[in-house]
Protein backbone atom coordinates (compact mmCIF):
# COMPACT_ATOMS: atom_id res chain seq x y z
CA MET A 1 0.00 0.00 0.00
CA LYS A 2 2.90 2.36 0.81
CA TYR A 3 4.38 1.94 -2.73
CA ALA A 4 1.00 2.48 -4.35
CA GLU A 5 0.74 5.90 -2.75
CA MET A 6 4.26 6.90 -3.79
CA ALA A 7 4.30 5.53 -7.40
CA VAL A 8 3.31 7.63 -10.43
CA SER A 9 1.82 6.28 -13.63
CA VAL A 10 3.77 6.00 -16.85
CA SER A 11 1.54 8.66 -18.39
CA ASP A 12 2.24 11.03 -15.51
CA LEU A 13 5.98 10.45 -15.86
CA ASN A 14 5.95 11.09 -19.60
CA GLN A 15 3.81 14.18 -19.04
CA TYR A 16 6.27 15.45 -16.43
CA ILE A 17 9.25 14.93 -18.75
CA LYS A 18 7.37 16.59 -21.58
CA ASN A 19 6.64 19.64 -19.41
CA LYS A 20 10.27 19.83 -18.31
CA ILE A 21 11.45 19.84 -21.91
CA ALA A 22 8.73 22.27 -22.95
CA ASN A 23 9.91 24.76 -20.32
CA ASP A 24 13.50 24.62 -21.62
CA GLU A 25 13.96 27.62 -23.90
CA TYR A 26 17.06 26.10 -25.52
CA LEU A 27 15.12 22.99 -26.61
CA ASN A 28 12.15 25.03 -27.82
CA ASN A 29 14.15 26.73 -30.56
CA ILE A 30 17.13 24.62 -31.53
CA LEU A 31 19.17 24.33 -34.71
CA VAL A 32 20.45 20.82 -35.40
CA LYS A 33 22.59 19.52 -38.24
CA GLY A 34 22.95 15.93 -39.34
CA GLU A 35 22.35 13.37 -42.08
CA ILE A 36 18.87 12.15 -43.04
CA SER A 37 18.17 8.44 -42.70
CA ASN A 38 15.04 6.24 -42.75
CA TYR A 39 13.18 8.99 -44.61
CA LYS A 40 9.46 8.48 -45.24
CA HIS A 41 7.02 10.85 -46.93
CA HIS A 42 3.67 9.81 -45.45
CA TYR A 43 0.50 9.95 -47.55
CA THR A 44 -0.84 12.57 -45.09
CA GLY A 45 1.97 14.90 -46.18
CA HIS A 46 3.98 14.60 -42.95
CA LEU A 47 7.70 13.77 -43.14
CA TYR A 48 9.19 11.15 -40.81
CA PHE A 49 12.96 10.61 -40.67
CA THR A 50 16.00 10.15 -38.48
CA LEU A 51 18.79 12.71 -38.13
CA LYS A 52 22.20 11.24 -37.34
CA ASP A 53 25.90 11.90 -37.11
CA GLU A 54 28.86 9.56 -36.59
CA ASN A 55 27.92 8.62 -33.03
CA SER A 56 24.22 9.19 -32.45
CA LEU A 57 20.77 9.69 -33.95
CA ILE A 58 17.43 11.30 -33.10
CA LYS A 59 13.95 10.87 -34.54
CA CYS A 60 12.38 13.81 -36.33
CA ILE A 61 9.01 14.79 -37.76
CA MET A 62 7.97 17.67 -40.00
CA PHE A 63 4.25 18.28 -40.30
CA LYS A 64 2.60 18.90 -43.67
CA SER A 65 2.13 22.64 -43.11
CA TYR A 66 5.91 23.09 -42.76
CA ALA A 67 6.86 20.42 -45.34
CA GLN A 68 4.91 22.26 -48.07
CA LYS A 69 7.31 25.20 -47.76
CA LEU A 70 10.40 23.10 -48.65
CA ASN A 71 12.06 23.94 -51.98
CA PHE A 72 13.70 20.51 -52.30
CA GLU A 73 12.80 16.85 -51.79
CA PRO A 74 14.62 15.36 -48.79
CA LYS A 75 16.36 12.04 -49.38
CA ASP A 76 18.31 9.50 -47.37
CA GLY A 77 21.94 10.54 -47.11
CA MET A 78 21.32 14.29 -47.34
CA LYS A 79 23.04 16.53 -44.81
CA VAL A 80 20.68 19.20 -43.56
CA TYR A 81 20.12 21.93 -40.98
CA ILE A 82 16.87 21.66 -38.99
CA LEU A 83 15.29 24.42 -36.94
CA GLY A 84 12.63 23.21 -34.56
CA SER A 85 11.80 22.13 -31.03
CA VAL A 86 12.31 19.01 -28.95
CA SER A 87 9.30 17.38 -27.35
CA VAL A 88 8.13 14.06 -25.94
CA PHE A 89 5.62 11.84 -27.71
CA GLU A 90 3.77 10.70 -24.57
CA ARG A 91 2.22 7.53 -26.01
CA ASP A 92 5.60 5.94 -26.88
CA GLY A 93 7.69 7.75 -24.28
CA VAL A 94 10.20 8.94 -26.85
CA TYR A 95 11.51 12.40 -27.54
CA GLN A 96 11.95 13.75 -31.04
CA VAL A 97 12.60 16.92 -32.97
CA TYR A 98 9.58 18.69 -34.43
CA ALA A 99 11.12 20.43 -37.43
CA LYS A 100 9.76 23.74 -38.72
CA VAL A 101 12.52 24.69 -41.17
CA MET A 102 14.96 22.51 -43.14
CA GLU A 103 17.88 23.60 -45.30
CA GLU A 104 20.32 21.49 -47.31
CA ASP A 105 23.90 21.15 -46.11
CA GLY A 106 25.16 18.95 -48.93
CA VAL A 107 24.81 15.22 -49.54
CA GLY A 108 26.12 12.50 -47.29
CA ASP A 109 29.20 10.49 -48.15
CA LEU A 110 27.28 7.28 -48.78
CA TYR A 111 24.82 9.01 -51.08
CA THR A 112 27.71 10.59 -53.00
CA ARG A 113 29.37 7.19 -53.42
CA TYR A 114 26.03 5.77 -54.56
CA GLN A 115 25.60 8.43 -57.25
CA GLU A 116 29.21 8.09 -58.47
CA LEU A 117 29.03 4.28 -58.73
CA LYS A 118 25.62 4.45 -60.40
CA LYS A 119 26.97 6.84 -63.05
CA GLU A 120 30.10 4.72 -63.59
CA LEU A 121 28.18 1.44 -64.04
CA GLU A 122 25.64 3.10 -66.32
CA GLU A 123 28.43 4.35 -68.58
CA LYS A 124 29.84 0.81 -68.71
CA GLY A 125 26.51 -0.49 -69.98
CA LEU A 126 25.41 -2.54 -66.95
CA PHE A 127 21.96 -0.94 -67.07
CA ASP A 128 21.36 -1.44 -70.81
CA GLU A 129 17.94 -2.84 -71.68
CA SER A 130 19.48 -4.91 -74.48
CA HIS A 131 21.27 -7.07 -71.90
CA LYS A 132 18.23 -7.78 -69.77
CA GLN A 133 16.65 -11.25 -69.94
CA LYS A 134 12.98 -12.12 -69.99
CA ILE A 135 11.49 -13.65 -66.87
CA PRO A 136 10.32 -17.26 -67.59
CA MET A 137 6.57 -17.49 -68.02
CA MET A 138 6.10 -20.62 -65.90
CA PRO A 139 9.17 -21.19 -63.70
CA LYS A 140 9.27 -24.39 -61.72
CA VAL A 141 11.95 -23.35 -59.20
CA ILE A 142 12.27 -19.87 -57.67
CA GLY A 143 15.65 -19.14 -56.14
CA VAL A 144 15.58 -16.62 -53.28
CA LEU A 145 18.63 -14.89 -51.86
CA THR A 146 17.74 -13.18 -48.59
CA SER A 147 17.98 -13.57 -44.85
CA GLN A 148 16.85 -16.92 -43.48
CA THR A 149 14.79 -15.20 -40.82
CA GLY A 150 12.39 -12.31 -41.09
CA SER A 151 9.20 -11.52 -42.94
CA VAL A 152 10.74 -11.29 -46.42
CA ILE A 153 11.10 -15.01 -47.08
CA ARG A 154 7.73 -15.72 -45.45
CA ASP A 155 6.02 -13.17 -47.70
CA ILE A 156 7.66 -14.63 -50.80
CA ILE A 157 6.68 -18.19 -49.84
CA ASN A 158 3.10 -17.20 -48.99
CA VAL A 159 2.56 -15.23 -52.20
CA SER A 160 4.29 -17.80 -54.44
CA THR A 161 2.52 -20.88 -53.08
CA ARG A 162 -0.83 -19.08 -53.11
CA ARG A 163 -0.41 -18.21 -56.80
CA ASN A 164 0.98 -21.63 -57.75
CA PRO A 165 1.00 -24.46 -55.18
CA ASN A 166 3.32 -26.51 -57.41
CA VAL A 167 6.15 -23.98 -57.51
CA HIS A 168 9.30 -24.85 -55.57
CA ILE A 169 11.04 -22.17 -53.47
CA ARG A 170 14.78 -22.69 -53.05
CA LEU A 171 16.24 -20.39 -50.37
CA LEU A 172 19.95 -19.59 -50.25
CA PRO A 173 20.44 -17.68 -46.97
CA VAL A 174 22.73 -14.66 -47.28
CA PRO A 175 23.37 -11.67 -44.99
CA VAL A 176 21.52 -8.63 -46.31
CA GLN A 177 23.38 -5.95 -44.36
CA GLY A 178 26.62 -5.40 -42.55
CA GLU A 179 30.26 -6.00 -43.36
CA GLY A 180 30.91 -8.81 -45.87
CA ALA A 181 27.26 -9.02 -46.94
CA ALA A 182 27.98 -7.87 -50.52
CA GLU A 183 30.57 -10.61 -51.03
CA LYS A 184 28.20 -13.27 -49.69
CA ILE A 185 25.40 -12.06 -51.97
CA ALA A 186 27.69 -12.16 -55.03
CA GLU A 187 28.90 -15.66 -54.08
CA GLY A 188 25.28 -16.80 -53.68
CA ILE A 189 24.32 -15.57 -57.16
CA ALA A 190 27.38 -17.29 -58.68
CA TYR A 191 26.62 -20.53 -56.81
CA MET A 192 23.01 -20.61 -58.00
CA ASN A 193 24.18 -20.07 -61.58
CA LYS A 194 26.97 -22.63 -61.45
CA ASN A 195 24.64 -25.38 -60.24
CA ARG A 196 21.56 -24.18 -62.15
CA LEU A 197 19.47 -24.34 -59.00
CA ALA A 198 16.62 -22.12 -60.18
CA ASP A 199 14.73 -20.82 -63.21
CA VAL A 200 14.64 -17.28 -61.82
CA LEU A 201 16.34 -15.56 -58.87
CA ILE A 202 14.79 -13.10 -56.43
CA LEU A 203 17.25 -10.86 -54.59
CA ALA A 204 15.29 -9.45 -51.67
CA ARG A 205 15.35 -7.65 -48.35
CA GLY A 206 13.03 -5.36 -46.40
CA GLY A 207 13.25 -1.61 -46.09
CA GLY A 208 15.93 0.27 -44.26
CA SER A 209 18.26 3.22 -44.34
CA LEU A 210 20.85 3.82 -47.04
CA GLU A 211 23.45 2.17 -44.80
CA ASP A 212 21.22 -0.90 -44.30
CA LEU A 213 20.71 -1.27 -48.06
CA TRP A 214 24.33 -0.55 -48.94
CA PRO A 215 25.40 -4.16 -49.78
CA PHE A 216 23.04 -3.96 -52.76
CA ASN A 217 24.88 -0.84 -53.95
CA GLU A 218 28.26 -2.55 -54.07
CA GLU A 219 30.04 -3.02 -57.41
CA ILE A 220 30.67 -6.74 -56.77
CA VAL A 221 26.92 -7.39 -56.44
CA ALA A 222 26.18 -5.35 -59.57
CA TYR A 223 28.59 -7.40 -61.68
CA SER A 224 27.35 -10.71 -60.27
CA ILE A 225 23.79 -9.77 -61.31
CA TYR A 226 25.01 -8.59 -64.72
CA GLU A 227 26.88 -11.85 -65.36
CA SER A 228 24.05 -14.09 -64.11
CA GLU A 229 22.67 -16.48 -66.75
CA ILE A 230 19.58 -16.93 -64.60
CA PRO A 231 17.17 -13.95 -64.81
CA VAL A 232 17.28 -11.83 -61.64
CA ILE A 233 14.46 -9.88 -59.99
CA SER A 234 15.63 -7.22 -57.55
CA ALA A 235 13.28 -6.49 -54.63
CA VAL A 236 15.30 -4.41 -52.21
CA GLY A 237 13.67 -2.10 -49.67
CA HIS A 238 10.37 -0.31 -50.08
CA GLU A 239 8.80 1.03 -53.25
CA THR A 240 10.55 4.40 -52.89
CA ASP A 241 13.97 2.80 -52.31
CA PHE A 242 16.23 2.38 -55.33
CA SER A 243 19.49 0.46 -55.18
CA ILE A 244 22.05 -0.23 -57.90
CA SER A 245 20.91 -3.86 -57.96
CA ASP A 246 17.50 -2.58 -59.14
CA PHE A 247 19.05 -0.95 -62.20
CA VAL A 248 21.25 -3.95 -63.13
CA ALA A 249 18.63 -6.64 -62.55
CA ASP A 250 16.48 -7.98 -65.36
CA LEU A 251 13.39 -6.77 -63.51
CA ARG A 252 12.84 -4.50 -60.53
CA ALA A 253 10.03 -5.18 -58.02
CA PRO A 254 8.88 -2.53 -55.53
CA THR A 255 8.65 -5.07 -52.69
CA PRO A 256 9.58 -8.74 -52.06
CA SER A 257 5.88 -9.70 -52.24
CA ALA A 258 5.59 -7.95 -55.60
CA ALA A 259 8.69 -9.85 -56.77
CA ALA A 260 6.93 -13.14 -55.97
CA GLU A 261 3.90 -11.98 -57.96
CA LEU A 262 6.09 -11.04 -60.92
CA ALA A 263 8.02 -14.32 -60.83
CA VAL A 264 5.13 -16.73 -60.23
CA PRO A 265 2.05 -16.53 -62.47
CA ASP A 266 -1.30 -17.15 -60.84
CA VAL A 267 -2.27 -20.64 -62.06
CA TYR A 268 -5.93 -19.87 -61.46
CA GLU A 269 -5.70 -16.85 -63.74
CA VAL A 270 -3.81 -18.98 -66.27
CA LYS A 271 -6.55 -21.62 -66.13
CA GLN A 272 -9.16 -18.90 -66.55
CA LYS A 273 -7.31 -17.53 -69.58
CA ILE A 274 -7.04 -21.03 -71.06
CA ASN A 275 -10.78 -21.54 -70.58
CA THR A 276 -11.44 -18.16 -72.16
CA TYR A 277 -9.20 -19.02 -75.12
CA GLN A 278 -10.93 -22.40 -75.48
CA ASN A 279 -14.35 -20.75 -75.54
CA ARG A 280 -13.15 -18.15 -78.05
CA LEU A 281 -11.65 -20.94 -80.19
CA ARG A 282 -14.90 -22.93 -80.10
CA MET A 283 -16.89 -19.85 -81.08
CA ALA A 284 -14.43 -19.01 -83.85
CA LEU A 285 -14.52 -22.59 -85.21
CA SER A 286 -18.31 -22.66 -85.02
CA LYS A 287 -18.54 -19.38 -86.88
CA LYS A 288 -15.99 -20.56 -89.43
CA LEU A 289 -17.94 -23.78 -90.03
CA GLU A 290 -21.15 -21.79 -90.40
CA ILE A 291 -19.55 -19.48 -92.97
CA MET A 292 -18.09 -22.46 -94.87
CA LYS A 293 -21.50 -24.20 -94.85
CA LEU A 294 -23.13 -21.06 -96.27
CA ARG A 295 -20.48 -20.91 -98.98
CA TYR A 296 -20.99 -24.61 -99.73
CA ASP A 297 -24.76 -24.18 -99.98
CA LYS A 298 -24.30 -21.18 -102.23
CA CYS A 299 -21.93 -23.11 -104.49
CA MET A 300 -24.19 -26.14 -104.66
CA SER A 301 -27.20 -23.97 -105.53
CA SER A 302 -25.26 -22.43 -108.41
CA PHE A 303 -26.38 -23.50 -111.94
CA VAL A 304 -22.79 -24.64 -112.59
CA PHE A 305 -23.39 -27.56 -110.23
CA LYS A 306 -27.04 -28.02 -111.19
CA GLU A 307 -26.41 -27.98 -114.98
CA PRO A 308 -22.70 -28.56 -115.47
CA THR A 309 -23.04 -28.75 -119.32
CA ARG A 310 -25.01 -25.53 -119.53
CA ARG A 311 -21.91 -23.39 -119.62
CA ILE A 312 -20.38 -25.59 -122.32
CA GLN A 313 -23.55 -25.36 -124.40
CA GLU A 314 -23.62 -21.61 -124.03
CA ASN A 315 -20.02 -21.48 -125.17
CA TYR A 316 -20.90 -23.67 -128.16
CA ILE A 317 -23.62 -21.17 -129.12
CA LYS A 318 -21.14 -18.32 -128.77
CA LEU A 319 -18.66 -20.26 -130.91
CA ASP A 320 -21.30 -20.91 -133.62
CA THR A 321 -22.21 -17.24 -133.59
CA CYS A 322 -18.56 -16.27 -133.99
CA VAL A 323 -18.12 -18.78 -136.84
CA LYS A 324 -21.18 -17.40 -138.64
CA GLN A 325 -19.97 -13.87 -138.16
CA LEU A 326 -16.55 -14.88 -139.50
CA GLU A 327 -18.15 -16.61 -142.51
CA ASN A 328 -20.24 -13.55 -143.26
CA ILE A 329 -17.22 -11.31 -143.02
CA ILE A 330 -15.20 -13.60 -145.31
CA GLY A 331 -18.16 -13.85 -147.74
CA THR A 332 -18.53 -10.07 -147.84
CA ILE A 333 -14.82 -9.60 -148.47
CA LYS A 334 -14.86 -12.33 -151.12
CA GLU A 335 -17.86 -10.78 -152.91
CA LYS A 336 -16.30 -7.37 -152.75
CA ASN A 337 -13.02 -8.67 -154.22
CA LYS A 338 -14.92 -10.63 -156.89
CA ASN A 339 -16.76 -7.50 -158.06
CA LYS A 340 -13.52 -5.60 -158.12
CA TYR A 341 -11.92 -8.43 -160.13
CA ILE A 342 -14.72 -8.36 -162.69
CA GLU A 343 -14.41 -4.62 -162.98
CA LEU A 344 -10.66 -4.84 -163.57
CA VAL A 345 -11.08 -7.69 -166.09
CA ALA A 346 -13.66 -5.62 -167.97
CA LYS A 347 -11.23 -2.70 -168.10
CA LEU A 348 -8.45 -5.01 -169.23
CA ASP A 349 -10.67 -6.62 -171.86
CA THR A 350 -11.54 -3.21 -173.20
CA LEU A 351 -7.87 -2.51 -173.74
CA SER A 352 -7.09 -5.99 -175.14
CA PRO A 353 -5.81 -6.14 -178.77
CA LEU A 354 -8.05 -9.14 -179.36
CA LYS A 355 -11.03 -6.82 -179.35
CA THR A 356 -9.48 -5.03 -182.34
CA LEU A 357 -9.22 -8.32 -184.22
CA LEU A 358 -12.98 -8.78 -183.89
CA ARG A 359 -13.47 -5.65 -185.92
CA GLY A 360 -11.54 -7.16 -188.91
CA TYR A 361 -8.04 -6.20 -188.08
CA SER A 362 -5.04 -8.58 -187.93
CA ILE A 363 -1.59 -8.73 -186.37
CA VAL A 364 1.55 -9.55 -188.37
CA GLU A 365 4.43 -11.20 -186.48
CA LYS A 366 7.91 -11.99 -187.71
CA ASP A 367 10.14 -14.24 -185.71
CA GLY A 368 7.69 -13.98 -182.78
CA LYS A 369 7.70 -10.20 -182.79
CA VAL A 370 4.93 -7.86 -183.85
CA VAL A 371 5.74 -6.05 -187.11
CA LYS A 372 5.04 -2.38 -186.69
CA SER A 373 6.52 -1.04 -189.97
CA VAL A 374 6.84 -2.08 -193.61
CA ALA A 375 10.52 -1.38 -193.36
CA GLU A 376 10.87 -4.40 -191.11
CA LEU A 377 9.83 -6.77 -193.93
CA LYS A 378 11.75 -8.12 -196.90
CA VAL A 379 10.76 -10.15 -199.92
CA GLU A 380 10.55 -13.86 -199.17
CA ASP A 381 10.21 -13.21 -195.40
CA ASN A 382 7.96 -15.69 -193.62
CA VAL A 383 5.39 -14.04 -191.30
CA THR A 384 2.45 -15.07 -189.15
CA ILE A 385 -0.89 -13.34 -189.58
CA LYS A 386 -3.15 -13.50 -186.52
CA LEU A 387 -6.88 -13.03 -187.11
CA ASN A 388 -9.92 -13.17 -184.87
CA ASP A 389 -10.48 -16.89 -185.34
CA GLY A 390 -6.89 -18.07 -185.68
CA GLU A 391 -3.60 -17.49 -187.54
CA LYS A 392 -1.99 -18.32 -190.88
CA GLN A 393 1.53 -18.47 -192.28
CA ALA A 394 2.41 -16.17 -195.25
CA ARG A 395 5.41 -15.15 -197.40
CA ILE A 396 6.21 -11.68 -198.56
CA VAL A 397 6.24 -11.37 -202.46
């Protein structure tokens, strides 16, 4: 009973500490510098992050009304100045800085190294789309490189087996943060490739600060992903986190669960698609058969099939007509030429010397030539006298 009267509640203690801090003028208007880590831009507009230096860290919050006045987007690794006040969040019993103003003080060393390495690897072609492989449509074995404990592997297993109960998950435990983690990750990727232990690899870990995600920004990991013959899906951190492994990988997933969805197709959706395709195929075949039947009926109802000789007979008639036309044309030409022949013969007959003989004249020939002058004849010459009804031989006296 004595202790019950002396003890204070947790709420009272936190309230007391909060009042003590609130009455400290130095803490009510303090300027702090440090490096941003664990940055989160909440959907409400508030900014949550940690401010740290080499030896310590403190939680910070900037409400939406102050965050809207920023002329830059805070990021992990940035060095900044913060003007604000220190207060206690009574529910959790933690103190934090409530920032009102934030100004840039340059970028942290890790972030600088990240940008430099990213630029270097991009220039070397490690991010080229032409080098990226397609993720298998129906992989049988999913290789996962992540921590053996934690929610990441459980999420991947749950999502994968729900989408396809027949898929096999092969976990290769690797450290995902700390010294030596990058080398272990690179060795794991090489080992999976050497022994062909999977159809696709998922490189995954949960969210964290830039330091926590740093193994996935190491050059050795980037080259191991680039040289992997097995397609790699990178699922490192949260959706807003980007690591170098994301840019080198064949596919980037915003979260480990999303990576499992990208790697493993939903067999129920696949079955539904197959059923849909089958129905569409049946309908298409049915329609095709209907169209072909209509074409068949149309062909069979054609007179060509009903009276197959009709066309031949019609062509015979056409041929007879053409023959008659040709005969008429030939007859007309023949008659025309005959009349012309008669006319020419009549003209020739008019000019013929035989007509002259009919009128009582004769033709004298000597040695087969017509005599045209008396001078051509001599006494005792033999000549031929041609008359209308014949010829006679004579001698000149």
